[in-house]
C-alpha atoms as a PDB file:
ATOM      1  CA  MET A   1      -3.395 -55.359 -86.623  1.00  0.00           C
ATOM      2  CA  GLN A   2      -0.447 -52.802 -86.141  1.00  0.00           C
ATOM      3  CA  VAL A   3       0.606 -51.502 -83.067  1.00  0.00           C
ATOM      4  CA  TYR A   4       1.698 -48.110 -82.279  1.00  0.00           C
ATOM      5  CA  ARG A   5       2.791 -46.644 -78.806  1.00  0.00           C
ATOM      6  CA  GLU A   6       3.253 -43.264 -77.942  1.00  0.00           C
ATOM      7  CA  VAL A   7       4.002 -42.211 -74.017  1.00  0.00           C
ATOM      8  CA  LEU A   8       2.573 -39.071 -73.117  1.00  0.00           C
ATOM      9  CA  PRO A   9       3.061 -37.345 -70.594  1.00  0.00           C
ATOM     10  CA  ASN A  10       0.117 -38.159 -68.337  1.00  0.00           C
ATOM     11  CA  SER A  11      -0.636 -41.567 -69.939  1.00  0.00           C
ATOM     12  CA  TYR A  12       0.786 -44.250 -72.543  1.00  0.00           C
ATOM     13  CA  LEU A  13      -1.603 -43.990 -75.726  1.00  0.00           C
ATOM     14  CA  VAL A  14      -1.815 -47.394 -77.656  1.00  0.00           C
ATOM     15  CA  ILE A  15      -2.925 -46.736 -81.384  1.00  0.00           C
ATOM     16  CA  LEU A  16      -4.450 -49.681 -83.241  1.00  0.00           C
ATOM     17  CA  VAL A  17      -5.060 -50.047 -86.629  1.00  0.00           C
ATOM     18  CA  GLU A  18      -6.184 -52.790 -89.005  1.00  0.00           C
ATOM     19  CA  SER A  19      -3.832 -54.602 -91.480  1.00  0.00           C
ATOM     20  CA  ALA A  20      -4.630 -58.107 -92.904  1.00  0.00           C
ATOM     21  CA  PRO A  21      -6.744 -60.017 -90.054  1.00  0.00           C
ATOM     22  CA  ALA A  22      -4.456 -62.605 -88.150  1.00  0.00           C
ATOM     23  CA  ALA A  23      -4.292 -64.853 -85.360  1.00  0.00           C
ATOM     24  CA  THR A  24      -1.870 -62.602 -83.286  1.00  0.00           C
ATOM     25  CA  ASP A  25      -4.274 -59.591 -83.667  1.00  0.00           C
ATOM     26  CA  THR A  26      -4.986 -60.899 -79.714  1.00  0.00           C
ATOM     27  CA  GLY A  27      -1.408 -61.359 -78.925  1.00  0.00           C
ATOM     28  CA  LEU A  28      -0.297 -58.221 -80.554  1.00  0.00           C
ATOM     29  CA  LEU A  29      -3.291 -56.534 -77.865  1.00  0.00           C
ATOM     30  CA  CYS A  30      -2.186 -58.158 -74.939  1.00  0.00           C
ATOM     31  CA  ASN A  31       1.703 -57.436 -75.538  1.00  0.00           C
ATOM     32  CA  ALA A  32       0.892 -53.554 -76.144  1.00  0.00           C
ATOM     33  CA  LEU A  33      -1.206 -53.616 -73.160  1.00  0.00           C
ATOM     34  CA  ARG A  34       1.453 -55.382 -70.829  1.00  0.00           C
ATOM     35  CA  GLN A  35       4.117 -53.202 -71.880  1.00  0.00           C
ATOM     36  CA  ALA A  36       1.563 -49.966 -71.216  1.00  0.00           C
ATOM     37  CA  SER A  37       0.947 -51.477 -67.960  1.00  0.00           C
ATOM     38  CA  ARG A  38       4.729 -51.257 -67.052  1.00  0.00           C
ATOM     39  CA  SER A  39       4.901 -47.873 -68.185  1.00  0.00           C
ATOM     40  CA  GLY A  40       3.930 -46.726 -64.282  1.00  0.00           C
ATOM     41  CA  LYS A  41       2.063 -44.259 -66.188  1.00  0.00           C
ATOM     42  CA  GLY A  42      -1.936 -43.067 -64.438  1.00  0.00           C
ATOM     43  CA  GLN A  43      -3.881 -43.633 -67.405  1.00  0.00           C
ATOM     44  CA  ILE A  44      -3.512 -45.741 -70.794  1.00  0.00           C
ATOM     45  CA  TRP A  45      -5.526 -44.816 -73.493  1.00  0.00           C
ATOM     46  CA  LEU A  46      -6.382 -47.302 -76.568  1.00  0.00           C
ATOM     47  CA  ASP A  47      -6.891 -45.681 -79.656  1.00  0.00           C
ATOM     48  CA  CYS A  48      -9.363 -48.292 -81.675  1.00  0.00           C
ATOM     49  CA  SER A  49     -10.324 -45.396 -85.044  1.00  0.00           C
ATOM     50  CA  GLY A  50      -8.189 -47.683 -86.993  1.00  0.00           C
ATOM     51  CA  LEU A  51     -10.121 -50.476 -85.874  1.00  0.00           C
ATOM     52  CA  SER A  52     -13.604 -51.385 -88.053  1.00  0.00           C
ATOM     53  CA  VAL A  53     -14.989 -54.303 -85.298  1.00  0.00           C
ATOM     54  CA  LEU A  54     -13.740 -55.110 -82.495  1.00  0.00           C
ATOM     55  CA  SER A  55     -13.374 -59.262 -82.091  1.00  0.00           C
ATOM     56  CA  SER A  56     -15.260 -60.623 -79.080  1.00  0.00           C
ATOM     57  CA  ASP A  57     -11.513 -62.293 -78.183  1.00  0.00           C
ATOM     58  CA  MET A  58      -9.842 -58.944 -78.230  1.00  0.00           C
ATOM     59  CA  LEU A  59     -12.952 -57.677 -76.128  1.00  0.00           C
ATOM     60  CA  LEU A  60     -11.873 -60.704 -73.353  1.00  0.00           C
ATOM     61  CA  VAL A  61      -8.855 -59.430 -73.274  1.00  0.00           C
ATOM     62  CA  LEU A  62     -10.001 -55.095 -72.757  1.00  0.00           C
ATOM     63  CA  THR A  63     -12.177 -56.622 -69.672  1.00  0.00           C
ATOM     64  CA  ARG A  64      -9.827 -58.616 -68.319  1.00  0.00           C
ATOM     65  CA  TYR A  65      -6.763 -55.761 -68.220  1.00  0.00           C
ATOM     66  CA  ALA A  66      -9.297 -53.487 -67.163  1.00  0.00           C
ATOM     67  CA  ALA A  67     -10.387 -54.960 -64.467  1.00  0.00           C
ATOM     68  CA  ARG A  68      -6.566 -56.095 -63.937  1.00  0.00           C
ATOM     69  CA  LEU A  69      -5.518 -52.110 -63.995  1.00  0.00           C
ATOM     70  CA  ARG A  70      -8.548 -50.861 -62.153  1.00  0.00           C
ATOM     71  CA  ARG A  71      -7.105 -53.000 -58.958  1.00  0.00           C
ATOM     72  CA  ARG A  72      -3.621 -50.967 -59.582  1.00  0.00           C
ATOM     73  CA  HIS A  73      -5.779 -47.863 -59.609  1.00  0.00           C
ATOM     74  CA  THR A  74      -4.962 -47.000 -63.619  1.00  0.00           C
ATOM     75  CA  SER A  75      -7.671 -46.385 -65.467  1.00  0.00           C
ATOM     76  CA  LEU A  76      -7.612 -48.105 -69.298  1.00  0.00           C
ATOM     77  CA  VAL A  77      -9.800 -45.741 -71.698  1.00  0.00           C
ATOM     78  CA  VAL A  78     -11.091 -46.940 -75.570  1.00  0.00           C
ATOM     79  CA  CYS A  79     -11.001 -44.214 -77.737  1.00  0.00           C
ATOM     80  CA  HIS A  80     -12.943 -44.035 -81.036  1.00  0.00           C
ATOM     81  CA  PRO A  81     -14.859 -47.587 -79.985  1.00  0.00           C
ATOM     82  CA  PRO A  82     -15.270 -49.768 -83.351  1.00  0.00           C
ATOM     83  CA  THR A  83     -18.576 -51.202 -83.665  1.00  0.00           C
ATOM     84  CA  MET A  84     -19.122 -54.851 -81.839  1.00  0.00           C
ATOM     85  CA  PRO A  85     -20.294 -58.009 -83.619  1.00  0.00           C
ATOM     86  CA  ALA A  86     -24.051 -58.125 -82.935  1.00  0.00           C
ATOM     87  CA  GLY A  87     -24.237 -54.377 -83.169  1.00  0.00           C
ATOM     88  CA  THR A  88     -23.770 -53.873 -79.385  1.00  0.00           C
ATOM     89  CA  SER A  89     -21.787 -51.160 -77.871  1.00  0.00           C
ATOM     90  CA  LEU A  90     -18.538 -51.230 -76.188  1.00  0.00           C
ATOM     91  CA  VAL A  91     -19.418 -50.568 -72.783  1.00  0.00           C
ATOM     92  CA  GLN A  92     -22.789 -52.799 -73.376  1.00  0.00           C
ATOM     93  CA  ALA A  93     -20.691 -55.480 -74.158  1.00  0.00           C
ATOM     94  CA  SER A  94     -18.306 -55.282 -71.573  1.00  0.00           C
ATOM     95  CA  GLU A  95     -20.490 -54.502 -68.807  1.00  0.00           C
ATOM     96  CA  GLY A  96     -19.962 -51.310 -68.318  1.00  0.00           C
ATOM     97  CA  ASN A  97     -15.961 -52.500 -67.134  1.00  0.00           C
ATOM     98  CA  ILE A  98     -14.152 -50.584 -69.950  1.00  0.00           C
ATOM     99  CA  LEU A  99     -14.312 -46.707 -70.117  1.00  0.00           C
ATOM    100  CA  VAL A 100     -15.052 -45.450 -73.360  1.00  0.00           C
ATOM    101  CA  ALA A 101     -14.046 -42.276 -74.767  1.00  0.00           C
ATOM    102  CA  ASN A 102     -15.489 -40.663 -78.072  1.00  0.00           C
ATOM    103  CA  THR A 103     -12.022 -38.925 -79.092  1.00  0.00           C
ATOM    104  CA  LEU A 104      -8.508 -38.923 -77.276  1.00  0.00           C
ATOM    105  CA  LEU A 105      -9.728 -35.138 -76.298  1.00  0.00           C
ATOM    106  CA  ASP A 106     -12.290 -36.361 -73.939  1.00  0.00           C
ATOM    107  CA  ALA A 107      -9.782 -39.610 -72.257  1.00  0.00           C
ATOM    108  CA  GLU A 108      -8.170 -37.704 -69.800  1.00  0.00           C
ATOM    109  CA  LEU A 109     -11.798 -36.492 -68.902  1.00  0.00           C
ATOM    110  CA  VAL A 110     -13.087 -40.201 -68.629  1.00  0.00           C
ATOM    111  CA  ALA A 111     -10.243 -41.419 -66.772  1.00  0.00           C
ATOM    112  CA  THR A 112     -10.341 -38.828 -63.833  1.00  0.00           C
ATOM    113  CA  GLN A 113     -13.864 -38.894 -63.631  1.00  0.00           C
ATOM    114  CA  SER A 114     -13.958 -42.545 -62.873  1.00  0.00           C
ATOM    115  CA  VAL A 115     -11.265 -42.432 -60.561  1.00  0.00           C
ATOM    116  CA  SER A 116     -13.309 -39.537 -58.685  1.00  0.00           C
ATOM    117  CA  GLU A 117     -16.432 -41.957 -58.897  1.00  0.00           C
END
């Protein structure tokens, strides 16, 4: 997996792109989320359009980071959610703990709505 980062005016964008599977994919995701969480941005958008599947290990990392960031009043929004093992959606697999947007254009709206709830 390859990870790209972009600091935007109101958010921090992390783009995940599939490459040869590696044991370090989860570590790369952790490092990217750690760096994003230190950016001071109130929203972190994770673009998964370059992934075909999200592993259960990566789901665990996302769920934990989403909870940690929520306590710090920061939203983690997964955009273009990939398929999950066993055919469940990301929202179902995370038991509703991860914010999901179908596109990057929807990410800010999803994050803003979650803060107001």
